[in-house]
Amino acid sequence: MTLRELFDYLSSNPAGVIAFFIVLPVAALLAGWLGRGEGHESPWKYFYSALLFLACIPGIFAATLAVYLFLFERGGSIFNLNLLTQALPIVSMIATLAVVRRNTAFEHVPGFNKLSDLMLMILAVFILMFLIDRTRIVAWVNIPFYWLFAIVAGLLIFMRFGIKRMLS
């Protein structure tokens, strides 16, 4: 099964997808209402962690896919955007993040630093890929692969810590 076939299947059976992405912010709202002022305590922070992972992983994937299609495919029009599989996860992620942020600080949510590190790493990779793609540099060099790998890994680490430092 390809990614296109999966998206076609989800588009032809939208009830489960819509229910999943609507339940996440609604569950965060209910948790905020039931545990008012207790979002940093033990049962609620783990519930928020599960909600954030369930919302952010598909949201990050959809955002990454949308950026890839618009930057690198060079033929993808915004009018061809599938709202169910490419826009709804991002909207649900943003809504869930906003609701959870209103109820507790992200520092209290276990594992949220891993999600933010994942977002920063994906951003660094896309910036590096975009710069390499747009410079159109073709180099025929005779260096071993491990040196090329070390250079790219060094640039990624440098960009990741630079972006993290800029945002903090």
N, C-alpha and C. Protein backbone atom coordinates (compact mmCIF):
# COMPACT_ATOMS: atom_id res chain seq x y z
N MET A 1 0.85 -1.17 0.00
CA MET A 1 0.00 0.00 0.00
C MET A 1 0.90 1.23 0.00
N THR A 2 0.63 2.12 -0.92
CA THR A 2 1.39 3.35 -0.99
C THR A 2 0.71 4.43 -0.15
N LEU A 3 1.40 5.52 0.01
CA LEU A 3 0.85 6.63 0.77
C LEU A 3 -0.36 7.22 0.06
N ARG A 4 -0.32 7.28 -1.25
CA ARG A 4 -1.46 7.78 -2.02
C ARG A 4 -2.68 6.88 -1.84
N GLU A 5 -2.46 5.56 -1.85
CA GLU A 5 -3.57 4.63 -1.64
C GLU A 5 -4.15 4.77 -0.23
N LEU A 6 -3.29 4.98 0.75
CA LEU A 6 -3.77 5.21 2.12
C LEU A 6 -4.61 6.47 2.19
N PHE A 7 -4.14 7.55 1.59
CA PHE A 7 -4.90 8.80 1.60
C PHE A 7 -6.22 8.65 0.84
N ASP A 8 -6.21 7.91 -0.26
CA ASP A 8 -7.45 7.66 -1.00
C ASP A 8 -8.43 6.85 -0.16
N TYR A 9 -7.93 5.86 0.56
CA TYR A 9 -8.79 5.06 1.43
C TYR A 9 -9.38 5.91 2.54
N LEU A 10 -8.55 6.74 3.17
CA LEU A 10 -9.05 7.61 4.24
C LEU A 10 -10.04 8.63 3.72
N SER A 11 -9.83 9.11 2.50
CA SER A 11 -10.77 10.07 1.91
C SER A 11 -12.10 9.41 1.57
N SER A 12 -12.07 8.15 1.21
CA SER A 12 -13.32 7.47 0.89
C SER A 12 -14.07 7.00 2.14
N ASN A 13 -13.39 6.94 3.27
CA ASN A 13 -14.00 6.58 4.55
C ASN A 13 -13.68 7.66 5.59
N PRO A 14 -14.30 8.83 5.48
CA PRO A 14 -13.86 9.96 6.31
C PRO A 14 -14.38 9.96 7.74
N ALA A 15 -15.35 9.14 8.08
CA ALA A 15 -15.97 9.23 9.42
C ALA A 15 -14.96 8.99 10.53
N GLY A 16 -14.15 7.98 10.43
CA GLY A 16 -13.17 7.68 11.46
C GLY A 16 -12.11 8.76 11.61
N VAL A 17 -11.66 9.28 10.48
CA VAL A 17 -10.63 10.32 10.51
C VAL A 17 -11.17 11.60 11.15
N ILE A 18 -12.36 11.99 10.73
CA ILE A 18 -12.97 13.20 11.29
C ILE A 18 -13.22 13.02 12.79
N ALA A 19 -13.74 11.87 13.17
CA ALA A 19 -14.01 11.62 14.59
C ALA A 19 -12.72 11.67 15.41
N PHE A 20 -11.66 11.06 14.91
CA PHE A 20 -10.39 11.04 15.63
C PHE A 20 -9.85 12.45 15.86
N PHE A 21 -9.86 13.27 14.80
CA PHE A 21 -9.26 14.59 14.93
C PHE A 21 -10.17 15.60 15.63
N ILE A 22 -11.45 15.29 15.76
CA ILE A 22 -12.34 16.16 16.55
C ILE A 22 -12.31 15.76 18.02
N VAL A 23 -12.15 14.47 18.29
CA VAL A 23 -12.13 13.99 19.67
C VAL A 23 -10.92 14.54 20.44
N LEU A 24 -9.79 14.72 19.78
CA LEU A 24 -8.58 15.16 20.49
C LEU A 24 -8.73 16.52 21.17
N PRO A 25 -9.12 17.59 20.45
CA PRO A 25 -9.28 18.87 21.16
C PRO A 25 -10.47 18.86 22.12
N VAL A 26 -11.52 18.11 21.80
CA VAL A 26 -12.67 18.03 22.70
C VAL A 26 -12.27 17.33 24.00
N ALA A 27 -11.47 16.27 23.90
CA ALA A 27 -10.99 15.59 25.10
C ALA A 27 -10.09 16.50 25.93
N ALA A 28 -9.28 17.32 25.26
CA ALA A 28 -8.44 18.27 25.99
C ALA A 28 -9.31 19.33 26.69
N LEU A 29 -10.38 19.77 26.01
CA LEU A 29 -11.31 20.71 26.65
C LEU A 29 -11.98 20.09 27.88
N LEU A 30 -12.44 18.86 27.74
CA LEU A 30 -13.07 18.17 28.87
C LEU A 30 -12.09 17.96 30.01
N ALA A 31 -10.86 17.60 29.70
CA ALA A 31 -9.86 17.41 30.75
C ALA A 31 -9.56 18.73 31.45
N GLY A 32 -9.53 19.80 30.69
CA GLY A 32 -9.32 21.10 31.30
C GLY A 32 -10.48 21.52 32.19
N TRP A 33 -11.66 21.13 31.80
CA TRP A 33 -12.84 21.48 32.59
C TRP A 33 -12.93 20.62 33.85
N LEU A 34 -12.64 19.32 33.71
CA LEU A 34 -12.72 18.42 34.86
C LEU A 34 -11.56 18.61 35.83
N GLY A 35 -10.39 18.86 35.33
CA GLY A 35 -9.21 19.00 36.19
C GLY A 35 -8.73 20.43 36.25
N ARG A 36 -9.63 21.35 36.43
CA ARG A 36 -9.28 22.77 36.46
C ARG A 36 -8.24 23.05 37.55
N GLY A 37 -7.11 23.61 37.13
CA GLY A 37 -6.05 23.95 38.07
C GLY A 37 -5.17 22.77 38.46
N GLU A 38 -5.45 21.58 37.95
CA GLU A 38 -4.68 20.39 38.30
C GLU A 38 -3.95 19.81 37.10
N GLY A 39 -3.75 20.59 36.06
CA GLY A 39 -3.13 20.08 34.84
C GLY A 39 -1.70 19.64 35.01
N HIS A 40 -1.02 20.15 36.01
CA HIS A 40 0.38 19.78 36.24
C HIS A 40 0.52 18.57 37.15
N GLU A 41 -0.60 18.05 37.67
CA GLU A 41 -0.55 16.91 38.57
C GLU A 41 -0.62 15.59 37.80
N SER A 42 -0.37 14.52 38.52
CA SER A 42 -0.07 13.23 37.92
C SER A 42 -1.08 12.67 36.92
N PRO A 43 -2.34 12.49 37.21
CA PRO A 43 -3.13 11.83 36.15
C PRO A 43 -3.36 12.72 34.94
N TRP A 44 -3.47 14.01 35.15
CA TRP A 44 -3.79 14.90 34.03
C TRP A 44 -2.62 15.13 33.11
N LYS A 45 -1.43 15.25 33.67
CA LYS A 45 -0.29 15.52 32.79
C LYS A 45 0.00 14.34 31.86
N TYR A 46 -0.26 13.12 32.31
CA TYR A 46 -0.06 11.96 31.43
C TYR A 46 -1.17 11.87 30.38
N PHE A 47 -2.35 12.27 30.75
CA PHE A 47 -3.44 12.32 29.78
C PHE A 47 -3.15 13.37 28.71
N TYR A 48 -2.67 14.54 29.15
CA TYR A 48 -2.29 15.57 28.19
C TYR A 48 -1.15 15.11 27.29
N SER A 49 -0.22 14.35 27.86
CA SER A 49 0.89 13.83 27.07
C SER A 49 0.38 12.91 25.97
N ALA A 50 -0.53 12.02 26.32
CA ALA A 50 -1.10 11.11 25.31
C ALA A 50 -1.85 11.89 24.25
N LEU A 51 -2.64 12.89 24.66
CA LEU A 51 -3.37 13.71 23.69
C LEU A 51 -2.42 14.45 22.76
N LEU A 52 -1.35 15.01 23.31
CA LEU A 52 -0.41 15.76 22.48
C LEU A 52 0.30 14.85 21.49
N PHE A 53 0.69 13.67 21.92
CA PHE A 53 1.34 12.76 20.98
C PHE A 53 0.36 12.30 19.90
N LEU A 54 -0.88 12.02 20.28
CA LEU A 54 -1.87 11.61 19.28
C LEU A 54 -2.21 12.73 18.31
N ALA A 55 -2.10 13.97 18.73
CA ALA A 55 -2.40 15.09 17.84
C ALA A 55 -1.18 15.54 17.06
N CYS A 56 -0.02 15.55 17.69
CA CYS A 56 1.17 16.14 17.06
C CYS A 56 1.84 15.23 16.04
N ILE A 57 1.85 13.95 16.25
CA ILE A 57 2.52 13.07 15.28
C ILE A 57 1.83 13.14 13.91
N PRO A 58 0.50 12.97 13.81
CA PRO A 58 -0.12 13.14 12.49
C PRO A 58 -0.05 14.59 11.99
N GLY A 59 -0.12 15.56 12.91
CA GLY A 59 -0.04 16.97 12.51
C GLY A 59 1.32 17.33 11.94
N ILE A 60 2.37 16.85 12.59
CA ILE A 60 3.73 17.10 12.09
C ILE A 60 3.92 16.40 10.74
N PHE A 61 3.41 15.18 10.63
CA PHE A 61 3.53 14.46 9.36
C PHE A 61 2.79 15.20 8.24
N ALA A 62 1.58 15.68 8.53
CA ALA A 62 0.81 16.40 7.51
C ALA A 62 1.50 17.71 7.14
N ALA A 63 2.03 18.42 8.11
CA ALA A 63 2.73 19.67 7.82
C ALA A 63 3.99 19.41 7.01
N THR A 64 4.73 18.37 7.37
CA THR A 64 5.93 18.02 6.63
C THR A 64 5.60 17.62 5.19
N LEU A 65 4.55 16.84 5.04
CA LEU A 65 4.13 16.43 3.69
C LEU A 65 3.69 17.64 2.86
N ALA A 66 2.95 18.56 3.47
CA ALA A 66 2.50 19.75 2.74
C ALA A 66 3.69 20.61 2.32
N VAL A 67 4.65 20.80 3.21
CA VAL A 67 5.83 21.60 2.86
C VAL A 67 6.62 20.91 1.76
N TYR A 68 6.76 19.60 1.86
CA TYR A 68 7.47 18.86 0.82
C TYR A 68 6.78 19.01 -0.53
N LEU A 69 5.47 18.84 -0.56
CA LEU A 69 4.74 18.93 -1.82
C LEU A 69 4.85 20.31 -2.44
N PHE A 70 4.78 21.34 -1.62
CA PHE A 70 4.80 22.70 -2.18
C PHE A 70 6.21 23.17 -2.53
N LEU A 71 7.23 22.71 -1.81
CA LEU A 71 8.58 23.17 -2.09
C LEU A 71 9.31 22.32 -3.12
N PHE A 72 9.13 21.02 -3.07
CA PHE A 72 9.97 20.15 -3.87
C PHE A 72 9.26 19.49 -5.04
N GLU A 73 7.97 19.36 -5.01
CA GLU A 73 7.26 18.72 -6.13
C GLU A 73 7.04 19.69 -7.28
N ARG A 74 6.98 20.97 -6.99
CA ARG A 74 6.87 22.04 -7.99
C ARG A 74 5.71 21.84 -8.97
N GLY A 75 4.66 21.38 -8.57
CA GLY A 75 3.52 21.21 -9.44
C GLY A 75 2.27 21.11 -8.59
N GLY A 76 2.53 20.97 -7.32
CA GLY A 76 1.40 20.85 -6.41
C GLY A 76 0.77 22.21 -6.18
N SER A 77 -0.48 22.29 -6.49
CA SER A 77 -1.21 23.52 -6.26
C SER A 77 -1.90 23.43 -4.92
N ILE A 78 -2.10 24.57 -4.30
CA ILE A 78 -2.80 24.60 -3.02
C ILE A 78 -4.26 24.19 -3.19
N PHE A 79 -4.76 24.31 -4.41
CA PHE A 79 -6.14 23.90 -4.67
C PHE A 79 -6.30 22.39 -4.67
N ASN A 80 -5.20 21.65 -4.78
CA ASN A 80 -5.25 20.18 -4.74
C ASN A 80 -5.05 19.64 -3.33
N LEU A 81 -5.02 20.50 -2.34
CA LEU A 81 -4.83 20.09 -0.95
C LEU A 81 -6.02 19.28 -0.48
N ASN A 82 -5.75 18.10 0.06
CA ASN A 82 -6.80 17.25 0.60
C ASN A 82 -7.08 17.72 2.02
N LEU A 83 -8.23 18.30 2.25
CA LEU A 83 -8.55 18.87 3.55
C LEU A 83 -8.60 17.82 4.65
N LEU A 84 -9.06 16.64 4.32
CA LEU A 84 -9.21 15.58 5.32
C LEU A 84 -7.87 15.05 5.81
N THR A 85 -6.94 14.83 4.92
CA THR A 85 -5.69 14.19 5.31
C THR A 85 -4.51 15.15 5.43
N GLN A 86 -4.64 16.37 4.92
CA GLN A 86 -3.52 17.30 4.99
C GLN A 86 -3.81 18.54 5.82
N ALA A 87 -5.04 18.97 5.91
CA ALA A 87 -5.35 20.18 6.67
C ALA A 87 -5.94 19.87 8.04
N LEU A 88 -6.83 18.89 8.12
CA LEU A 88 -7.48 18.56 9.39
C LEU A 88 -6.49 18.13 10.48
N PRO A 89 -5.46 17.32 10.18
CA PRO A 89 -4.50 17.00 11.24
C PRO A 89 -3.75 18.23 11.78
N ILE A 90 -3.43 19.17 10.91
CA ILE A 90 -2.73 20.38 11.35
C ILE A 90 -3.65 21.24 12.21
N VAL A 91 -4.89 21.40 11.79
CA VAL A 91 -5.85 22.19 12.56
C VAL A 91 -6.10 21.54 13.92
N SER A 92 -6.25 20.23 13.94
CA SER A 92 -6.48 19.51 15.19
C SER A 92 -5.26 19.63 16.11
N MET A 93 -4.07 19.55 15.54
CA MET A 93 -2.86 19.69 16.34
C MET A 93 -2.78 21.08 16.97
N ILE A 94 -3.04 22.11 16.18
CA ILE A 94 -2.98 23.48 16.70
C ILE A 94 -4.04 23.69 17.77
N ALA A 95 -5.25 23.18 17.54
CA ALA A 95 -6.32 23.34 18.53
C ALA A 95 -5.99 22.59 19.82
N THR A 96 -5.47 21.38 19.70
CA THR A 96 -5.12 20.61 20.89
C THR A 96 -3.98 21.27 21.65
N LEU A 97 -2.98 21.76 20.94
CA LEU A 97 -1.88 22.47 21.59
C LEU A 97 -2.38 23.71 22.33
N ALA A 98 -3.30 24.45 21.70
CA ALA A 98 -3.82 25.67 22.33
C ALA A 98 -4.62 25.35 23.58
N VAL A 99 -5.44 24.31 23.52
CA VAL A 99 -6.27 23.96 24.68
C VAL A 99 -5.40 23.45 25.82
N VAL A 100 -4.43 22.59 25.52
CA VAL A 100 -3.55 22.06 26.56
C VAL A 100 -2.71 23.18 27.15
N ARG A 101 -2.26 24.09 26.30
CA ARG A 101 -1.44 25.22 26.78
C ARG A 101 -2.23 26.10 27.74
N ARG A 102 -3.52 26.20 27.51
CA ARG A 102 -4.37 27.00 28.40
C ARG A 102 -4.55 26.32 29.75
N ASN A 103 -4.45 24.99 29.79
CA ASN A 103 -4.68 24.24 31.02
C ASN A 103 -3.42 23.97 31.84
N THR A 104 -2.28 23.85 31.16
CA THR A 104 -1.03 23.56 31.87
C THR A 104 0.14 24.04 31.01
N ALA A 105 1.26 24.22 31.66
CA ALA A 105 2.48 24.59 30.93
C ALA A 105 3.05 23.33 30.27
N PHE A 106 3.65 23.52 29.11
CA PHE A 106 4.19 22.37 28.38
C PHE A 106 5.37 21.73 29.13
N GLU A 107 6.02 22.47 30.01
CA GLU A 107 7.12 21.89 30.78
C GLU A 107 6.64 20.78 31.71
N HIS A 108 5.38 20.82 32.10
CA HIS A 108 4.82 19.81 33.00
C HIS A 108 4.36 18.55 32.26
N VAL A 109 4.24 18.63 30.95
CA VAL A 109 3.75 17.49 30.17
C VAL A 109 4.93 16.58 29.82
N PRO A 110 4.89 15.33 30.27
CA PRO A 110 6.01 14.41 30.00
C PRO A 110 6.15 14.14 28.50
N GLY A 111 7.37 14.24 28.01
CA GLY A 111 7.64 13.92 26.62
C GLY A 111 7.43 15.05 25.63
N PHE A 112 6.94 16.21 26.08
CA PHE A 112 6.71 17.28 25.12
C PHE A 112 8.02 17.82 24.57
N ASN A 113 9.09 17.76 25.36
CA ASN A 113 10.38 18.22 24.84
C ASN A 113 10.84 17.35 23.68
N LYS A 114 10.46 16.09 23.68
CA LYS A 114 10.80 15.21 22.55
C LYS A 114 10.05 15.64 21.29
N LEU A 115 8.80 16.03 21.44
CA LEU A 115 8.03 16.51 20.29
C LEU A 115 8.61 17.81 19.74
N SER A 116 8.96 18.72 20.62
CA SER A 116 9.52 19.98 20.15
C SER A 116 10.89 19.76 19.50
N ASP A 117 11.69 18.81 20.03
CA ASP A 117 12.96 18.48 19.38
C ASP A 117 12.73 17.86 18.01
N LEU A 118 11.70 17.03 17.88
CA LEU A 118 11.36 16.44 16.57
C LEU A 118 10.98 17.54 15.58
N MET A 119 10.17 18.50 16.02
CA MET A 119 9.78 19.61 15.14
C MET A 119 11.00 20.42 14.71
N LEU A 120 11.91 20.69 15.64
CA LEU A 120 13.11 21.45 15.30
C LEU A 120 14.01 20.68 14.34
N MET A 121 14.13 19.39 14.54
CA MET A 121 14.97 18.59 13.65
C MET A 121 14.38 18.53 12.25
N ILE A 122 13.08 18.38 12.14
CA ILE A 122 12.44 18.38 10.82
C ILE A 122 12.61 19.74 10.15
N LEU A 123 12.47 20.82 10.92
CA LEU A 123 12.68 22.15 10.37
C LEU A 123 14.11 22.32 9.87
N ALA A 124 15.09 21.85 10.64
CA ALA A 124 16.49 21.96 10.23
C ALA A 124 16.75 21.16 8.96
N VAL A 125 16.19 19.96 8.88
CA VAL A 125 16.38 19.13 7.68
C VAL A 125 15.76 19.81 6.46
N PHE A 126 14.55 20.38 6.63
CA PHE A 126 13.92 21.05 5.49
C PHE A 126 14.69 22.29 5.05
N ILE A 127 15.20 23.04 5.99
CA ILE A 127 16.00 24.22 5.62
C ILE A 127 17.24 23.79 4.86
N LEU A 128 17.92 22.75 5.35
CA LEU A 128 19.11 22.24 4.68
C LEU A 128 18.77 21.70 3.30
N MET A 129 17.70 20.92 3.19
CA MET A 129 17.28 20.39 1.89
C MET A 129 16.91 21.51 0.92
N PHE A 130 16.22 22.52 1.42
CA PHE A 130 15.81 23.63 0.57
C PHE A 130 17.02 24.40 0.07
N LEU A 131 17.99 24.65 0.95
CA LEU A 131 19.20 25.36 0.53
C LEU A 131 20.00 24.57 -0.48
N ILE A 132 20.12 23.28 -0.26
CA ILE A 132 20.85 22.43 -1.21
C ILE A 132 20.12 22.38 -2.55
N ASP A 133 18.79 22.30 -2.52
CA ASP A 133 18.00 22.23 -3.74
C ASP A 133 18.07 23.53 -4.53
N ARG A 134 18.02 24.66 -3.84
CA ARG A 134 17.98 25.95 -4.53
C ARG A 134 19.33 26.45 -5.00
N THR A 135 20.41 25.98 -4.41
CA THR A 135 21.72 26.46 -4.85
C THR A 135 22.17 25.80 -6.14
N ARG A 136 21.61 24.66 -6.45
CA ARG A 136 21.91 23.93 -7.69
C ARG A 136 23.42 23.68 -7.87
N ILE A 137 24.05 23.36 -6.78
CA ILE A 137 25.48 23.06 -6.82
C ILE A 137 25.64 21.58 -7.13
N VAL A 138 26.40 21.35 -8.18
CA VAL A 138 26.73 19.97 -8.52
C VAL A 138 28.24 19.86 -8.36
N ALA A 139 28.63 19.02 -7.47
CA ALA A 139 30.07 18.88 -7.21
C ALA A 139 30.48 17.44 -7.47
N TRP A 140 31.49 17.31 -8.27
CA TRP A 140 32.07 16.00 -8.50
C TRP A 140 33.37 15.97 -7.71
N VAL A 141 33.27 15.38 -6.58
CA VAL A 141 34.45 15.34 -5.71
C VAL A 141 34.76 13.89 -5.38
N ASN A 142 35.96 13.70 -4.98
CA ASN A 142 36.41 12.35 -4.66
C ASN A 142 36.68 12.26 -3.16
N ILE A 143 35.62 12.47 -2.39
CA ILE A 143 35.77 12.30 -0.95
C ILE A 143 34.96 11.07 -0.53
N PRO A 144 35.40 10.41 0.50
CA PRO A 144 34.66 9.23 0.96
C PRO A 144 33.28 9.61 1.48
N PHE A 145 32.39 8.64 1.42
CA PHE A 145 31.00 8.89 1.82
C PHE A 145 30.90 9.29 3.29
N TYR A 146 31.72 8.70 4.14
CA TYR A 146 31.61 9.02 5.56
C TYR A 146 31.96 10.48 5.85
N TRP A 147 32.83 11.11 5.03
CA TRP A 147 33.11 12.54 5.21
C TRP A 147 31.89 13.37 4.82
N LEU A 148 31.25 13.00 3.73
CA LEU A 148 30.03 13.70 3.31
C LEU A 148 28.94 13.55 4.36
N PHE A 149 28.80 12.34 4.88
CA PHE A 149 27.82 12.09 5.95
C PHE A 149 28.16 12.91 7.19
N ALA A 150 29.41 13.00 7.55
CA ALA A 150 29.83 13.78 8.72
C ALA A 150 29.56 15.27 8.52
N ILE A 151 29.77 15.77 7.32
CA ILE A 151 29.51 17.19 7.04
C ILE A 151 28.01 17.48 7.17
N VAL A 152 27.17 16.64 6.57
CA VAL A 152 25.71 16.85 6.66
C VAL A 152 25.24 16.71 8.10
N ALA A 153 25.73 15.71 8.82
CA ALA A 153 25.35 15.54 10.23
C ALA A 153 25.80 16.73 11.06
N GLY A 154 27.00 17.23 10.81
CA GLY A 154 27.48 18.42 11.53
C GLY A 154 26.62 19.64 11.25
N LEU A 155 26.24 19.83 9.99
CA LEU A 155 25.36 20.95 9.66
C LEU A 155 24.00 20.82 10.34
N LEU A 156 23.45 19.60 10.39
CA LEU A 156 22.17 19.38 11.06
C LEU A 156 22.27 19.68 12.56
N ILE A 157 23.32 19.21 13.18
CA ILE A 157 23.49 19.48 14.62
C ILE A 157 23.66 20.97 14.86
N PHE A 158 24.45 21.62 14.03
CA PHE A 158 24.66 23.06 14.16
C PHE A 158 23.34 23.82 13.98
N MET A 159 22.56 23.44 12.97
CA MET A 159 21.28 24.12 12.73
C MET A 159 20.29 23.83 13.86
N ARG A 160 20.27 22.61 14.35
CA ARG A 160 19.32 22.27 15.41
C ARG A 160 19.59 23.08 16.67
N PHE A 161 20.84 23.15 17.08
CA PHE A 161 21.16 23.91 18.28
C PHE A 161 21.02 25.41 18.04
N GLY A 162 21.29 25.86 16.83
CA GLY A 162 21.10 27.28 16.52
C GLY A 162 19.63 27.67 16.57
N ILE A 163 18.78 26.84 15.99
CA ILE A 163 17.34 27.14 16.01
C ILE A 163 16.81 27.05 17.44
N LYS A 164 17.26 26.04 18.18
CA LYS A 164 16.81 25.87 19.57
C LYS A 164 17.23 27.08 20.41
N ARG A 165 18.42 27.58 20.17
CA ARG A 165 18.91 28.74 20.93
C ARG A 165 18.15 30.00 20.54
N MET A 166 17.80 30.14 19.26
CA MET A 166 17.05 31.30 18.82
C MET A 166 15.66 31.33 19.44
N LEU A 167 15.03 30.16 19.57
CA LEU A 167 13.67 30.10 20.07
C LEU A 167 13.58 30.15 21.59
N SER A 168 14.68 29.90 22.28
CA SER A 168 14.60 29.93 23.75
C SER A 168 15.08 31.23 24.34
